[in-house]
C-alpha atoms as a PDB file:
ATOM      1  CA  MET A   1       0.000   0.000   0.000  1.00  0.00           C
ATOM      2  CA  ILE A   2       1.382   3.387  -1.014  1.00  0.00           C
ATOM      3  CA  LEU A   3       1.286   5.526   2.125  1.00  0.00           C
ATOM      4  CA  ASN A   4       2.096   8.886   0.543  1.00  0.00           C
ATOM      5  CA  ASN A   5      -0.693   9.047  -2.019  1.00  0.00           C
ATOM      6  CA  GLY A   6      -2.826  12.157  -1.946  1.00  0.00           C
ATOM      7  CA  THR A   7      -2.965  15.712  -3.203  1.00  0.00           C
ATOM      8  CA  LEU A   8       0.151  17.842  -2.797  1.00  0.00           C
ATOM      9  CA  VAL A   9      -0.485  20.934  -0.710  1.00  0.00           C
ATOM     10  CA  VAL A  10       2.007  23.214  -2.428  1.00  0.00           C
ATOM     11  CA  SER A  11       3.091  26.319  -0.544  1.00  0.00           C
ATOM     12  CA  GLY A  12       6.460  27.159  -1.976  1.00  0.00           C
ATOM     13  CA  SER A  13       8.952  24.503  -3.005  1.00  0.00           C
ATOM     14  CA  PRO A  14       9.904  22.415   0.026  1.00  0.00           C
ATOM     15  CA  LYS A  15      13.343  20.898   0.362  1.00  0.00           C
ATOM     16  CA  THR A  16      12.199  17.291   0.469  1.00  0.00           C
ATOM     17  CA  VAL A  17      15.377  15.707   1.795  1.00  0.00           C
ATOM     18  CA  GLU A  18      15.784  18.225   4.600  1.00  0.00           C
ATOM     19  CA  GLU A  19      12.102  18.182   5.522  1.00  0.00           C
ATOM     20  CA  ILE A  20      11.999  14.391   5.823  1.00  0.00           C
ATOM     21  CA  ARG A  21      15.067  14.512   8.035  1.00  0.00           C
ATOM     22  CA  ASN A  22      13.627  17.345  10.121  1.00  0.00           C
ATOM     23  CA  VAL A  23      10.242  15.713  10.693  1.00  0.00           C
ATOM     24  CA  LEU A  24      11.904  12.449  11.735  1.00  0.00           C
ATOM     25  CA  GLU A  25      14.155  14.363  14.111  1.00  0.00           C
ATOM     26  CA  ARG A  26      11.203  16.186  15.698  1.00  0.00           C
ATOM     27  CA  ILE A  27       9.292  12.942  16.228  1.00  0.00           C
ATOM     28  CA  LEU A  28      12.295  11.240  17.812  1.00  0.00           C
ATOM     29  CA  GLU A  29      12.882  14.181  20.138  1.00  0.00           C
ATOM     30  CA  MET A  30       9.264  14.533  21.224  1.00  0.00           C
ATOM     31  CA  TYR A  31       7.802  11.015  21.294  1.00  0.00           C
ATOM     32  CA  TYR A  32      10.597   8.575  22.037  1.00  0.00           C
ATOM     33  CA  VAL A  33      11.160   7.890  25.719  1.00  0.00           C
ATOM     34  CA  LYS A  34      14.575   7.402  27.304  1.00  0.00           C
ATOM     35  CA  ASN A  35      14.952   3.738  26.336  1.00  0.00           C
ATOM     36  CA  GLY A  36      14.262   4.545  22.695  1.00  0.00           C
ATOM     37  CA  ALA A  37      10.676   3.262  22.786  1.00  0.00           C
ATOM     38  CA  PRO A  38       8.197   5.380  20.809  1.00  0.00           C
ATOM     39  CA  GLU A  39       4.736   6.304  22.002  1.00  0.00           C
ATOM     40  CA  TYR A  40       2.904   5.429  18.810  1.00  0.00           C
ATOM     41  CA  GLU A  41      -0.572   6.546  19.807  1.00  0.00           C
ATOM     42  CA  LYS A  42       0.701   9.990  20.764  1.00  0.00           C
ATOM     43  CA  ILE A  43       2.519  10.176  17.446  1.00  0.00           C
ATOM     44  CA  ARG A  44      -0.635   9.263  15.514  1.00  0.00           C
ATOM     45  CA  LEU A  45      -2.549  12.170  17.103  1.00  0.00           C
ATOM     46  CA  SER A  46       0.260  14.713  16.830  1.00  0.00           C
ATOM     47  CA  GLN A  47       0.922  17.705  14.617  1.00  0.00           C
ATOM     48  CA  GLU A  48       4.285  16.155  13.808  1.00  0.00           C
ATOM     49  CA  TYR A  49       2.559  13.136  12.277  1.00  0.00           C
ATOM     50  CA  ASN A  50       0.483  15.464  10.098  1.00  0.00           C
ATOM     51  CA  ALA A  51       3.735  17.152   9.070  1.00  0.00           C
ATOM     52  CA  LEU A  52       5.150  13.718   8.203  1.00  0.00           C
ATOM     53  CA  ILE A  53       2.158  12.948   5.971  1.00  0.00           C
ATOM     54  CA  LYS A  54       2.562  16.281   4.173  1.00  0.00           C
ATOM     55  CA  ALA A  55       6.338  15.938   3.795  1.00  0.00           C
ATOM     56  CA  VAL A  56       6.321  12.451   2.291  1.00  0.00           C
ATOM     57  CA  ARG A  57       3.692  13.410  -0.292  1.00  0.00           C
ATOM     58  CA  PHE A  58       6.329  15.577  -1.943  1.00  0.00           C
ATOM     59  CA  LEU A  59       8.315  12.410  -2.597  1.00  0.00           C
ATOM     60  CA  GLN A  60       5.884  11.858  -5.481  1.00  0.00           C
ATOM     61  CA  ILE A  61       7.736  14.575  -7.416  1.00  0.00           C
ATOM     62  CA  PHE A  62      11.213  14.034  -5.963  1.00  0.00           C
ATOM     63  CA  ASP A  63      14.013  13.055  -8.346  1.00  0.00           C
ATOM     64  CA  CYS A  64      16.401  10.661  -6.597  1.00  0.00           C
ATOM     65  CA  ALA A  65      18.965  11.372  -9.303  1.00  0.00           C
ATOM     66  CA  LYS A  66      19.511  14.759  -7.642  1.00  0.00           C
ATOM     67  CA  LEU A  67      21.335  13.000  -4.822  1.00  0.00           C
ATOM     68  CA  ASP A  68      24.833  13.689  -6.090  1.00  0.00           C
ATOM     69  CA  SER A  69      27.170  11.821  -3.763  1.00  0.00           C
ATOM     70  CA  GLU A  70      27.131   8.343  -2.307  1.00  0.00           C
ATOM     71  CA  ASP A  71      26.975   9.862   1.179  1.00  0.00           C
ATOM     72  CA  GLU A  72      23.860  11.831   0.226  1.00  0.00           C
ATOM     73  CA  GLN A  73      22.258   8.732  -1.263  1.00  0.00           C
ATOM     74  CA  LYS A  74      23.055   6.556   1.726  1.00  0.00           C
ATOM     75  CA  THR A  75      21.795   9.149   4.207  1.00  0.00           C
ATOM     76  CA  PHE A  76      18.577   9.820   2.313  1.00  0.00           C
ATOM     77  CA  TRP A  77      17.601   6.158   1.987  1.00  0.00           C
ATOM     78  CA  ILE A  78      18.462   5.263   5.605  1.00  0.00           C
ATOM     79  CA  ASN A  79      16.416   8.155   6.986  1.00  0.00           C
ATOM     80  CA  LEU A  80      13.578   7.427   4.571  1.00  0.00           C
ATOM     81  CA  HIS A  81      13.502   3.740   5.501  1.00  0.00           C
ATOM     82  CA  ASN A  82      13.268   4.542   9.200  1.00  0.00           C
ATOM     83  CA  LEU A  83      10.591   7.171   8.634  1.00  0.00           C
ATOM     84  CA  MET A  84       8.585   4.820   6.387  1.00  0.00           C
ATOM     85  CA  ALA A  85       8.728   2.017   8.945  1.00  0.00           C
ATOM     86  CA  LEU A  86       7.462   4.409  11.622  1.00  0.00           C
ATOM     87  CA  HIS A  87       4.776   5.697   9.249  1.00  0.00           C
ATOM     88  CA  GLY A  88       3.658   2.139   8.500  1.00  0.00           C
ATOM     89  CA  ILE A  89       3.427   1.126  12.157  1.00  0.00           C
ATOM     90  CA  VAL A  90       1.351   4.205  12.999  1.00  0.00           C
ATOM     91  CA  HIS A  91      -0.810   4.099   9.856  1.00  0.00           C
ATOM     92  CA  PHE A  92      -1.706   0.421  10.216  1.00  0.00           C
ATOM     93  CA  GLN A  93      -2.143   0.873  13.993  1.00  0.00           C
ATOM     94  CA  ILE A  94       0.133  -2.056  14.723  1.00  0.00           C
ATOM     95  CA  SER A  95       0.095  -2.919  18.403  1.00  0.00           C
ATOM     96  CA  LEU A  96       2.267  -6.010  18.914  1.00  0.00           C
ATOM     97  CA  THR A  97       4.562  -6.840  15.963  1.00  0.00           C
ATOM     98  CA  VAL A  98       4.933  -5.669  12.379  1.00  0.00           C
ATOM     99  CA  TRP A  99       3.754  -9.117  11.273  1.00  0.00           C
ATOM    100  CA  GLU A 100       0.205  -8.056  12.173  1.00  0.00           C
ATOM    101  CA  ARG A 101       0.329  -6.422   8.752  1.00  0.00           C
ATOM    102  CA  PRO A 102       0.786  -9.207   6.142  1.00  0.00           C
ATOM    103  CA  ASN A 103       4.108  -8.771   4.338  1.00  0.00           C
ATOM    104  CA  PHE A 104       4.744  -5.521   6.199  1.00  0.00           C
ATOM    105  CA  PHE A 105       8.133  -4.918   4.564  1.00  0.00           C
ATOM    106  CA  ILE A 106       6.778  -5.439   1.060  1.00  0.00           C
ATOM    107  CA  SER A 107       3.324  -3.890   1.451  1.00  0.00           C
ATOM    108  CA  THR A 108       4.553  -0.669   3.118  1.00  0.00           C
ATOM    109  CA  GLU A 109       5.424   1.598   0.184  1.00  0.00           C
ATOM    110  CA  TYR A 110       6.048   5.168  -0.951  1.00  0.00           C
ATOM    111  CA  ASN A 111       5.695   6.713  -4.373  1.00  0.00           C
ATOM    112  CA  ILE A 112       9.109   8.280  -4.996  1.00  0.00           C
ATOM    113  CA  GLY A 113       9.431  10.202  -8.251  1.00  0.00           C
ATOM    114  CA  GLY A 114       6.735   8.069  -9.842  1.00  0.00           C
ATOM    115  CA  TYR A 115       8.260   4.750  -8.735  1.00  0.00           C
ATOM    116  CA  ARG A 116       6.985   2.444  -6.015  1.00  0.00           C
ATOM    117  CA  PHE A 117       9.511   1.650  -3.313  1.00  0.00           C
ATOM    118  CA  SER A 118       8.741  -0.677  -0.410  1.00  0.00           C
ATOM    119  CA  LEU A 119      10.805  -1.091   2.736  1.00  0.00           C
ATOM    120  CA  TYR A 120      12.094  -4.281   1.130  1.00  0.00           C
ATOM    121  CA  ASP A 121      13.101  -2.417  -2.032  1.00  0.00           C
ATOM    122  CA  ILE A 122      14.964   0.256  -0.075  1.00  0.00           C
ATOM    123  CA  VAL A 123      17.002  -2.221   1.972  1.00  0.00           C
ATOM    124  CA  HIS A 124      17.773  -4.907  -0.581  1.00  0.00           C
ATOM    125  CA  GLY A 125      17.317  -3.083  -3.874  1.00  0.00           C
ATOM    126  CA  VAL A 126      18.946   0.252  -3.033  1.00  0.00           C
ATOM    127  CA  LEU A 127      21.123   0.109   0.083  1.00  0.00           C
ATOM    128  CA  ARG A 128      22.436  -3.439  -0.425  1.00  0.00           C
ATOM    129  CA  GLY A 129      23.112  -2.873  -4.123  1.00  0.00           C
ATOM    130  CA  ASN A 130      20.198  -5.004  -5.407  1.00  0.00           C
ATOM    131  CA  ARG A 131      21.204  -8.143  -3.542  1.00  0.00           C
ATOM    132  CA  ARG A 132      18.731 -10.934  -2.965  1.00  0.00           C
ATOM    133  CA  ARG A 133      17.397 -11.387   0.561  1.00  0.00           C
ATOM    134  CA  TRP A 134      17.143 -15.178   0.445  1.00  0.00           C
ATOM    135  CA  ARG A 135      19.351 -17.462  -1.611  1.00  0.00           C
ATOM    136  CA  LEU A 136      16.532 -18.860  -3.774  1.00  0.00           C
ATOM    137  CA  PHE A 137      14.810 -15.499  -4.276  1.00  0.00           C
ATOM    138  CA  PRO A 138      15.586 -13.094  -7.131  1.00  0.00           C
ATOM    139  CA  PRO A 139      16.946  -9.586  -6.439  1.00  0.00           C
ATOM    140  CA  PRO A 140      14.283  -6.883  -6.012  1.00  0.00           C
ATOM    141  CA  PHE A 141      15.037  -5.049  -9.262  1.00  0.00           C
ATOM    142  CA  ARG A 142      15.112  -7.339 -12.294  1.00  0.00           C
ATOM    143  CA  GLY A 143      15.412  -6.977 -16.035  1.00  0.00           C
ATOM    144  CA  ASN A 144      14.832  -3.437 -17.235  1.00  0.00           C
ATOM    145  CA  ASP A 145      13.494  -2.159 -13.911  1.00  0.00           C
ATOM    146  CA  PRO A 146      14.332   1.590 -14.004  1.00  0.00           C
ATOM    147  CA  ARG A 147      14.795   1.679 -10.217  1.00  0.00           C
ATOM    148  CA  ILE A 148      18.044  -0.258 -10.518  1.00  0.00           C
ATOM    149  CA  ARG A 149      19.857   2.987 -11.319  1.00  0.00           C
ATOM    150  CA  PHE A 150      19.318   4.034  -7.700  1.00  0.00           C
ATOM    151  CA  SER A 151      21.097   0.963  -6.295  1.00  0.00           C
ATOM    152  CA  LEU A 152      24.281   1.828  -4.414  1.00  0.00           C
ATOM    153  CA  GLN A 153      27.381   0.742  -6.296  1.00  0.00           C
ATOM    154  CA  LYS A 154      29.331   0.082  -3.090  1.00  0.00           C
ATOM    155  CA  PRO A 155      26.989  -1.302  -0.409  1.00  0.00           C
ATOM    156  CA  ASP A 156      28.077  -0.413   3.115  1.00  0.00           C
ATOM    157  CA  PRO A 157      27.612  -3.205   5.728  1.00  0.00           C
ATOM    158  CA  ARG A 158      27.219  -0.560   8.434  1.00  0.00           C
ATOM    159  CA  ILE A 159      23.709   0.215   7.182  1.00  0.00           C
ATOM    160  CA  HIS A 160      22.513  -2.823   9.120  1.00  0.00           C
ATOM    161  CA  TYR A 161      23.310  -0.987  12.361  1.00  0.00           C
ATOM    162  CA  ALA A 162      21.287   2.063  11.264  1.00  0.00           C
ATOM    163  CA  LEU A 163      18.090   0.535   9.846  1.00  0.00           C
ATOM    164  CA  HIS A 164      15.224   0.419  12.326  1.00  0.00           C
ATOM    165  CA  SER A 165      11.804  -1.134  11.784  1.00  0.00           C
ATOM    166  CA  GLY A 166      10.318  -0.779  15.252  1.00  0.00           C
ATOM    167  CA  SER A 167      11.229  -4.181  16.701  1.00  0.00           C
ATOM    168  CA  ARG A 168      13.060  -4.759  19.982  1.00  0.00           C
ATOM    169  CA  SER A 169      15.974  -6.561  18.333  1.00  0.00           C
ATOM    170  CA  CYS A 170      16.529  -3.763  15.810  1.00  0.00           C
ATOM    171  CA  PRO A 171      19.396  -1.314  16.205  1.00  0.00           C
ATOM    172  CA  GLY A 172      18.361   2.000  17.721  1.00  0.00           C
ATOM    173  CA  VAL A 173      16.883   4.708  15.523  1.00  0.00           C
ATOM    174  CA  ALA A 174      18.652   7.986  14.795  1.00  0.00           C
ATOM    175  CA  VAL A 175      18.772  10.750  12.203  1.00  0.00           C
ATOM    176  CA  TYR A 176      21.723  10.760   9.793  1.00  0.00           C
ATOM    177  CA  TYR A 177      23.438  13.631   7.966  1.00  0.00           C
ATOM    178  CA  PRO A 178      25.494  13.380   4.765  1.00  0.00           C
ATOM    179  CA  ASP A 179      28.374  15.524   6.016  1.00  0.00           C
ATOM    180  CA  ARG A 180      29.038  13.171   8.918  1.00  0.00           C
ATOM    181  CA  ILE A 181      27.480   9.892   7.812  1.00  0.00           C
ATOM    182  CA  ASN A 182      30.672   7.855   8.135  1.00  0.00           C
ATOM    183  CA  ASP A 183      31.231   8.826  11.761  1.00  0.00           C
ATOM    184  CA  GLU A 184      27.540   8.297  12.496  1.00  0.00           C
ATOM    185  CA  LEU A 185      27.536   4.804  10.978  1.00  0.00           C
ATOM    186  CA  ASP A 186      30.699   3.901  12.894  1.00  0.00           C
ATOM    187  CA  ASN A 187      28.998   5.045  16.093  1.00  0.00           C
ATOM    188  CA  ALA A 188      25.830   3.104  15.257  1.00  0.00           C
ATOM    189  CA  ALA A 189      27.929  -0.024  14.698  1.00  0.00           C
ATOM    190  CA  ARG A 190      29.735   0.427  18.006  1.00  0.00           C
ATOM    191  CA  ARG A 191      26.500   0.979  19.933  1.00  0.00           C
ATOM    192  CA  PHE A 192      24.909  -2.163  18.533  1.00  0.00           C
ATOM    193  CA  ILE A 193      27.948  -4.441  18.647  1.00  0.00           C
ATOM    194  CA  ASN A 194      28.787  -3.455  22.227  1.00  0.00           C
ATOM    195  CA  SER A 195      25.213  -4.045  23.392  1.00  0.00           C
ATOM    196  CA  ASP A 196      23.559  -7.222  24.651  1.00  0.00           C
ATOM    197  CA  GLN A 197      23.094  -8.205  20.997  1.00  0.00           C
ATOM    198  CA  PHE A 198      26.749  -9.357  20.920  1.00  0.00           C
ATOM    199  CA  VAL A 199      28.183 -11.322  23.871  1.00  0.00           C
ATOM    200  CA  TYR A 200      31.468 -13.222  23.864  1.00  0.00           C
ATOM    201  CA  ASN A 201      32.104 -16.029  26.375  1.00  0.00           C
ATOM    202  CA  LYS A 202      35.846 -16.267  26.964  1.00  0.00           C
ATOM    203  CA  GLN A 203      35.643 -19.730  28.540  1.00  0.00           C
ATOM    204  CA  THR A 204      33.671 -21.415  25.747  1.00  0.00           C
ATOM    205  CA  ARG A 205      34.935 -19.172  22.931  1.00  0.00           C
ATOM    206  CA  MET A 206      31.335 -18.700  21.906  1.00  0.00           C
ATOM    207  CA  LEU A 207      30.087 -15.469  20.338  1.00  0.00           C
ATOM    208  CA  THR A 208      26.355 -15.004  20.744  1.00  0.00           C
ATOM    209  CA  CYS A 209      25.117 -12.342  18.384  1.00  0.00           C
ATOM    210  CA  SER A 210      22.184 -10.783  16.563  1.00  0.00           C
ATOM    211  CA  LYS A 211      20.589 -12.722  13.740  1.00  0.00           C
ATOM    212  CA  LEU A 212      21.319  -9.741  11.513  1.00  0.00           C
ATOM    213  CA  PHE A 213      24.853 -11.096  11.437  1.00  0.00           C
ATOM    214  CA  LYS A 214      23.478 -14.393  10.084  1.00  0.00           C
ATOM    215  CA  TRP A 215      20.867 -13.088   7.668  1.00  0.00           C
ATOM    216  CA  PHE A 216      23.313 -10.689   5.996  1.00  0.00           C
ATOM    217  CA  ARG A 217      26.556 -12.540   6.647  1.00  0.00           C
ATOM    218  CA  ARG A 218      27.807 -12.164   3.079  1.00  0.00           C
ATOM    219  CA  ASP A 219      27.589  -8.385   3.477  1.00  0.00           C
ATOM    220  CA  PHE A 220      30.214  -8.590   6.224  1.00  0.00           C
ATOM    221  CA  GLY A 221      32.638 -10.974   4.494  1.00  0.00           C
ATOM    222  CA  GLU A 222      32.901 -14.164   2.481  1.00  0.00           C
ATOM    223  CA  THR A 223      34.112 -16.377   5.349  1.00  0.00           C
ATOM    224  CA  LYS A 224      33.530 -16.583   9.082  1.00  0.00           C
ATOM    225  CA  VAL A 225      37.046 -15.275   9.714  1.00  0.00           C
ATOM    226  CA  ASP A 226      36.448 -12.323   7.375  1.00  0.00           C
ATOM    227  CA  ARG A 227      33.199 -11.498   9.138  1.00  0.00           C
ATOM    228  CA  LEU A 228      34.682 -11.663  12.619  1.00  0.00           C
ATOM    229  CA  MET A 229      37.606  -9.515  11.519  1.00  0.00           C
ATOM    230  CA  TYR A 230      35.140  -6.947  10.205  1.00  0.00           C
ATOM    231  CA  LEU A 231      33.170  -7.105  13.439  1.00  0.00           C
ATOM    232  CA  SER A 232      36.283  -6.682  15.589  1.00  0.00           C
ATOM    233  CA  GLN A 233      36.960  -3.114  14.459  1.00  0.00           C
ATOM    234  CA  PHE A 234      33.856  -1.947  16.340  1.00  0.00           C
ATOM    235  CA  VAL A 235      34.442  -3.918  19.576  1.00  0.00           C
ATOM    236  CA  ASP A 236      35.384  -1.786  22.586  1.00  0.00           C
ATOM    237  CA  ASP A 237      36.777  -4.525  24.828  1.00  0.00           C
ATOM    238  CA  PRO A 238      40.486  -4.783  23.841  1.00  0.00           C
ATOM    239  CA  GLU A 239      40.751  -8.419  24.949  1.00  0.00           C
ATOM    240  CA  ILE A 240      37.763  -9.521  22.879  1.00  0.00           C
ATOM    241  CA  LYS A 241      38.944  -7.435  19.935  1.00  0.00           C
ATOM    242  CA  GLN A 242      42.310  -9.225  20.039  1.00  0.00           C
ATOM    243  CA  VAL A 243      40.693 -12.668  20.159  1.00  0.00           C
ATOM    244  CA  LEU A 244      38.471 -11.862  17.201  1.00  0.00           C
ATOM    245  CA  GLN A 245      41.428 -10.608  15.184  1.00  0.00           C
ATOM    246  CA  GLU A 246      43.952 -13.284  16.071  1.00  0.00           C
ATOM    247  CA  ASP A 247      41.950 -16.455  16.727  1.00  0.00           C
ATOM    248  CA  ALA A 248      38.730 -16.007  14.756  1.00  0.00           C
ATOM    249  CA  SER A 249      38.795 -19.533  13.306  1.00  0.00           C
ATOM    250  CA  ALA A 250      38.493 -21.035  16.813  1.00  0.00           C
ATOM    251  CA  ILE A 251      35.391 -19.028  17.721  1.00  0.00           C
ATOM    252  CA  SER A 252      31.918 -20.576  17.532  1.00  0.00           C
ATOM    253  CA  ILE A 253      28.897 -18.440  16.717  1.00  0.00           C
ATOM    254  CA  LYS A 254      25.380 -18.744  18.103  1.00  0.00           C
ATOM    255  CA  TYR A 255      22.527 -16.473  17.063  1.00  0.00           C
ATOM    256  CA  LEU A 256      19.986 -14.856  19.342  1.00  0.00           C
ATOM    257  CA  PRO A 257      16.275 -15.288  18.602  1.00  0.00           C
ATOM    258  CA  TYR A 258      15.014 -12.135  16.901  1.00  0.00           C
ATOM    259  CA  ASP A 259      12.404 -10.332  18.989  1.00  0.00           C
ATOM    260  CA  TRP A 260       9.874  -8.801  16.598  1.00  0.00           C
ATOM    261  CA  HIS A 261       7.728  -7.243  19.341  1.00  0.00           C
ATOM    262  CA  LEU A 262       7.366  -3.494  19.018  1.00  0.00           C
ATOM    263  CA  ASN A 263       9.899  -1.508  20.967  1.00  0.00           C
ATOM    264  CA  SER A 264       7.183   0.391  22.807  1.00  0.00           C
ATOM    265  CA  PRO A 265       6.988   1.656  26.388  1.00  0.00           C
ATOM    266  CA  GLU A 266       3.925  -0.436  27.237  1.00  0.00           C
END
């Protein structure tokens, strides 16, 4: 379902990228409590939510080709994904998990410059460089699909620490800026990897980590050793960092169950 259909209320020429970022920032500041849990019902009844609805309608006439640099592209699509996920949860009045809405990630869509983009399309088609989600599934953009020109040429694995879809096991949500996106993504990676989503047991040499590291393992490296080496650069504990870098082949990996319940204060 396209969430940003409707008549454009034109009063001047809004700066779409900045406005989307600003409305997301206002909502995070006003309606997310200290533990990062949003108050969805308050959002639904707020002026900020009305501003969100107005802002995303202008995406209908937005030309993504105007995003000149890779940093601008990456920032725009990350912020838009997180705003769209929030919009979908509020619009569909989801109360427990996003799976209350059948195929939430595919059926939650925006019209962007005349093209339909779902949450699925943004993650796998654009930000991951049009990579397939499951081994036996095709990539999102196939054949002569014109949206393929918006796919990032150099996918950045750090996006997985920035994308938020409202679930408890997701990384935290933030607003990203193109002039400091690399530092912000590094910080997002460090926050997530040094949380309870990644725990290393020194006695058993077992790393227990988020299923994101399983689902998208090829984004982080071709082999287990490659992936653990990549992970190590964001680990704060110097002893664990050293083990990951010097003895990665001896480490076993176990994945945490993914908690899809809404990260809400109730």
